[in-house]
């Protein structure tokens, strides 16, 4: 009976658009104690939100995280993700996903003592940018 109640709540959230596309697992690879810092940024394409970009701190490092929403992934698989930490110089911790990935973490960066923001972008295989976003800057 408890399962039916949980399933009903999950279904209601999905219908309301609150349960779909939201990242569930937010622990950086090799660091289980991450905490989001700054605001979440959103990548849009064709008037629709297709991904979220977040910045985390943990294990004495900053991390960028980009999550592609389910609604976009259900329609396309011909894309890659890139994500990195922007500290005002070259991209740090830069990572590129494989085709059709649902999420991507940057490498951890030793940038807790400087102002940073996370950046993410979605690219069509072959090089065309669909969209990108950066979180708010945190110092």
C-alpha atoms as a PDB file:
ATOM      1  CA  UNK A   1       0.000   0.000   0.000  1.00  0.00           C
ATOM      2  CA  UNK A   2       2.873   2.332   0.797  1.00  0.00           C
ATOM      3  CA  UNK A   3       4.317   1.689  -2.707  1.00  0.00           C
ATOM      4  CA  UNK A   4       1.064   2.825  -4.340  1.00  0.00           C
ATOM      5  CA  UNK A   5       1.185   6.122  -2.446  1.00  0.00           C
ATOM      6  CA  UNK A   6       4.784   6.764  -3.497  1.00  0.00           C
ATOM      7  CA  UNK A   7       3.971   5.829  -7.099  1.00  0.00           C
ATOM      8  CA  UNK A   8       0.987   8.199  -7.106  1.00  0.00           C
ATOM      9  CA  UNK A   9       3.119  11.084  -5.827  1.00  0.00           C
ATOM     10  CA  UNK A  10       5.832  10.353  -8.405  1.00  0.00           C
ATOM     11  CA  UNK A  11       3.231  10.207 -11.187  1.00  0.00           C
ATOM     12  CA  UNK A  12       1.677  13.485 -10.049  1.00  0.00           C
ATOM     13  CA  UNK A  13       5.074  15.206  -9.987  1.00  0.00           C
ATOM     14  CA  UNK A  14       5.877  13.918 -13.468  1.00  0.00           C
ATOM     15  CA  UNK A  15       2.535  15.099 -14.854  1.00  0.00           C
ATOM     16  CA  UNK A  16       3.107  18.489 -13.229  1.00  0.00           C
ATOM     17  CA  UNK A  17       6.568  18.624 -14.819  1.00  0.00           C
ATOM     18  CA  UNK A  18       8.305  18.636 -11.445  1.00  0.00           C
ATOM     19  CA  UNK A  19       9.681  15.108 -11.459  1.00  0.00           C
ATOM     20  CA  UNK A  20      10.990  14.824 -14.976  1.00  0.00           C
ATOM     21  CA  UNK A  21      14.448  15.821 -16.019  1.00  0.00           C
ATOM     22  CA  UNK A  22      15.748  16.563 -12.543  1.00  0.00           C
ATOM     23  CA  UNK A  23      19.123  15.064 -11.676  1.00  0.00           C
ATOM     24  CA  UNK A  24      18.826  12.542  -8.886  1.00  0.00           C
ATOM     25  CA  UNK A  25      22.384  11.406  -8.168  1.00  0.00           C
ATOM     26  CA  UNK A  26      24.648  14.334  -7.416  1.00  0.00           C
ATOM     27  CA  UNK A  27      27.906  12.965  -6.064  1.00  0.00           C
ATOM     28  CA  UNK A  28      31.092  13.676  -7.969  1.00  0.00           C
ATOM     29  CA  UNK A  29      33.171  10.691  -9.040  1.00  0.00           C
ATOM     30  CA  UNK A  30      35.485   9.829  -6.165  1.00  0.00           C
ATOM     31  CA  UNK A  31      33.899  12.390  -3.804  1.00  0.00           C
ATOM     32  CA  UNK A  32      30.688  11.477  -2.026  1.00  0.00           C
ATOM     33  CA  UNK A  33      30.433  14.678   0.025  1.00  0.00           C
ATOM     34  CA  UNK A  34      29.639  17.330  -2.589  1.00  0.00           C
ATOM     35  CA  UNK A  35      27.344  20.286  -1.943  1.00  0.00           C
ATOM     36  CA  UNK A  36      25.836  22.516  -4.621  1.00  0.00           C
ATOM     37  CA  UNK A  37      27.042  26.122  -4.588  1.00  0.00           C
ATOM     38  CA  UNK A  38      25.508  28.951  -6.583  1.00  0.00           C
ATOM     39  CA  UNK A  39      22.431  28.831  -8.739  1.00  0.00           C
ATOM     40  CA  UNK A  40      21.420  26.191 -11.258  1.00  0.00           C
ATOM     41  CA  UNK A  41      21.713  27.293 -14.892  1.00  0.00           C
ATOM     42  CA  UNK A  42      19.533  25.901 -17.681  1.00  0.00           C
ATOM     43  CA  UNK A  43      20.383  25.111 -21.289  1.00  0.00           C
ATOM     44  CA  UNK A  44      17.510  25.742 -23.680  1.00  0.00           C
ATOM     45  CA  UNK A  45      16.974  24.789 -27.304  1.00  0.00           C
ATOM     46  CA  UNK A  46      13.931  25.518 -29.443  1.00  0.00           C
ATOM     47  CA  UNK A  47      12.188  27.167 -26.494  1.00  0.00           C
ATOM     48  CA  UNK A  48      12.549  24.061 -24.310  1.00  0.00           C
ATOM     49  CA  UNK A  49      14.837  23.409 -21.356  1.00  0.00           C
ATOM     50  CA  UNK A  50      17.108  20.526 -22.323  1.00  0.00           C
ATOM     51  CA  UNK A  51      19.732  20.430 -19.548  1.00  0.00           C
ATOM     52  CA  UNK A  52      20.782  21.729 -16.130  1.00  0.00           C
ATOM     53  CA  UNK A  53      24.238  22.963 -15.128  1.00  0.00           C
ATOM     54  CA  UNK A  54      25.367  23.056 -11.485  1.00  0.00           C
ATOM     55  CA  UNK A  55      28.539  23.776  -9.518  1.00  0.00           C
ATOM     56  CA  UNK A  56      29.515  21.721  -6.496  1.00  0.00           C
ATOM     57  CA  UNK A  57      32.242  21.845  -3.898  1.00  0.00           C
ATOM     58  CA  UNK A  58      33.575  18.901  -1.991  1.00  0.00           C
ATOM     59  CA  UNK A  59      36.778  17.039  -1.162  1.00  0.00           C
ATOM     60  CA  UNK A  60      38.629  20.404  -1.325  1.00  0.00           C
ATOM     61  CA  UNK A  61      37.701  20.898  -4.993  1.00  0.00           C
ATOM     62  CA  UNK A  62      35.112  22.484  -7.295  1.00  0.00           C
ATOM     63  CA  UNK A  63      33.125  20.380  -9.769  1.00  0.00           C
ATOM     64  CA  UNK A  64      30.887  21.203 -12.733  1.00  0.00           C
ATOM     65  CA  UNK A  65      27.895  18.965 -13.461  1.00  0.00           C
ATOM     66  CA  UNK A  66      25.644  18.943 -16.522  1.00  0.00           C
ATOM     67  CA  UNK A  67      22.484  16.820 -16.685  1.00  0.00           C
ATOM     68  CA  UNK A  68      20.470  16.349 -19.885  1.00  0.00           C
ATOM     69  CA  UNK A  69      16.738  16.241 -19.235  1.00  0.00           C
ATOM     70  CA  UNK A  70      14.771  13.090 -20.021  1.00  0.00           C
ATOM     71  CA  UNK A  71      12.402  14.857 -22.436  1.00  0.00           C
ATOM     72  CA  UNK A  72      15.323  15.820 -24.696  1.00  0.00           C
ATOM     73  CA  UNK A  73      17.076  12.440 -24.403  1.00  0.00           C
ATOM     74  CA  UNK A  74      13.882  10.637 -25.408  1.00  0.00           C
ATOM     75  CA  UNK A  75      13.898  12.521 -28.734  1.00  0.00           C
ATOM     76  CA  UNK A  76      17.618  12.727 -29.578  1.00  0.00           C
ATOM     77  CA  UNK A  77      20.810  10.776 -29.100  1.00  0.00           C
ATOM     78  CA  UNK A  78      23.018  12.589 -31.616  1.00  0.00           C
ATOM     79  CA  UNK A  79      24.645  14.921 -29.077  1.00  0.00           C
ATOM     80  CA  UNK A  80      27.557  15.178 -26.672  1.00  0.00           C
ATOM     81  CA  UNK A  81      27.958  17.197 -23.466  1.00  0.00           C
ATOM     82  CA  UNK A  82      30.898  19.264 -22.324  1.00  0.00           C
ATOM     83  CA  UNK A  83      31.306  20.681 -18.851  1.00  0.00           C
ATOM     84  CA  UNK A  84      34.022  22.519 -16.947  1.00  0.00           C
ATOM     85  CA  UNK A  85      34.876  25.010 -14.213  1.00  0.00           C
ATOM     86  CA  UNK A  86      35.411  28.602 -15.354  1.00  0.00           C
ATOM     87  CA  UNK A  87      37.868  30.463 -13.109  1.00  0.00           C
ATOM     88  CA  UNK A  88      38.452  33.329 -15.529  1.00  0.00           C
ATOM     89  CA  UNK A  89      41.169  31.580 -17.528  1.00  0.00           C
ATOM     90  CA  UNK A  90      41.255  28.425 -19.619  1.00  0.00           C
ATOM     91  CA  UNK A  91      38.497  25.889 -18.871  1.00  0.00           C
ATOM     92  CA  UNK A  92      39.499  23.749 -15.891  1.00  0.00           C
ATOM     93  CA  UNK A  93      38.551  20.123 -15.348  1.00  0.00           C
ATOM     94  CA  UNK A  94      37.164  20.012 -18.895  1.00  0.00           C
ATOM     95  CA  UNK A  95      35.304  16.823 -19.830  1.00  0.00           C
ATOM     96  CA  UNK A  96      33.406  15.686 -22.936  1.00  0.00           C
ATOM     97  CA  UNK A  97      30.816  12.917 -22.839  1.00  0.00           C
ATOM     98  CA  UNK A  98      30.169  10.099 -25.214  1.00  0.00           C
ATOM     99  CA  UNK A  99      27.229  10.317 -27.605  1.00  0.00           C
ATOM    100  CA  UNK A 100      23.789  10.473 -25.951  1.00  0.00           C
ATOM    101  CA  UNK A 101      25.047  10.673 -22.345  1.00  0.00           C
ATOM    102  CA  UNK A 102      22.583  11.704 -19.658  1.00  0.00           C
ATOM    103  CA  UNK A 103      25.042  13.435 -17.311  1.00  0.00           C
ATOM    104  CA  UNK A 104      28.640  14.552 -17.079  1.00  0.00           C
ATOM    105  CA  UNK A 105      30.915  15.637 -14.216  1.00  0.00           C
ATOM    106  CA  UNK A 106      34.037  17.723 -14.746  1.00  0.00           C
ATOM    107  CA  UNK A 107      37.266  16.693 -13.170  1.00  0.00           C
ATOM    108  CA  UNK A 108      37.722  18.170  -9.714  1.00  0.00           C
ATOM    109  CA  UNK A 109      39.623  21.461  -9.706  1.00  0.00           C
ATOM    110  CA  UNK A 110      41.732  23.053  -6.979  1.00  0.00           C
ATOM    111  CA  UNK A 111      39.903  26.384  -7.199  1.00  0.00           C
ATOM    112  CA  UNK A 112      38.154  26.874  -3.857  1.00  0.00           C
ATOM    113  CA  UNK A 113      40.250  30.005  -3.196  1.00  0.00           C
ATOM    114  CA  UNK A 114      39.155  31.836  -6.385  1.00  0.00           C
ATOM    115  CA  UNK A 115      35.880  32.905  -7.997  1.00  0.00           C
ATOM    116  CA  UNK A 116      34.410  30.133 -10.174  1.00  0.00           C
ATOM    117  CA  UNK A 117      31.330  29.133 -12.094  1.00  0.00           C
ATOM    118  CA  UNK A 118      30.314  25.898 -13.774  1.00  0.00           C
ATOM    119  CA  UNK A 119      29.698  25.779 -17.511  1.00  0.00           C
ATOM    120  CA  UNK A 120      28.040  23.194 -19.698  1.00  0.00           C
ATOM    121  CA  UNK A 121      27.042  22.846 -23.342  1.00  0.00           C
ATOM    122  CA  UNK A 122      25.192  20.437 -25.604  1.00  0.00           C
ATOM    123  CA  UNK A 123      26.653  19.821 -29.069  1.00  0.00           C
ATOM    124  CA  UNK A 124      25.209  17.934 -32.021  1.00  0.00           C
ATOM    125  CA  UNK A 125      27.654  15.280 -33.178  1.00  0.00           C
ATOM    126  CA  UNK A 126      29.595  16.968 -35.959  1.00  0.00           C
ATOM    127  CA  UNK A 127      30.153  20.251 -34.164  1.00  0.00           C
ATOM    128  CA  UNK A 128      26.979  22.374 -34.033  1.00  0.00           C
ATOM    129  CA  UNK A 129      26.240  23.962 -30.647  1.00  0.00           C
ATOM    130  CA  UNK A 130      22.643  23.500 -29.453  1.00  0.00           C
ATOM    131  CA  UNK A 131      23.100  25.594 -26.341  1.00  0.00           C
ATOM    132  CA  UNK A 132      25.170  26.319 -23.284  1.00  0.00           C
ATOM    133  CA  UNK A 133      24.860  27.920 -19.859  1.00  0.00           C
ATOM    134  CA  UNK A 134      26.932  29.035 -16.870  1.00  0.00           C
ATOM    135  CA  UNK A 135      25.967  29.071 -13.220  1.00  0.00           C
ATOM    136  CA  UNK A 136      26.285  32.158 -11.058  1.00  0.00           C
ATOM    137  CA  UNK A 137      29.838  33.015 -10.012  1.00  0.00           C
ATOM    138  CA  UNK A 138      30.878  31.969  -6.507  1.00  0.00           C
ATOM    139  CA  UNK A 139      33.793  33.489  -4.631  1.00  0.00           C
END
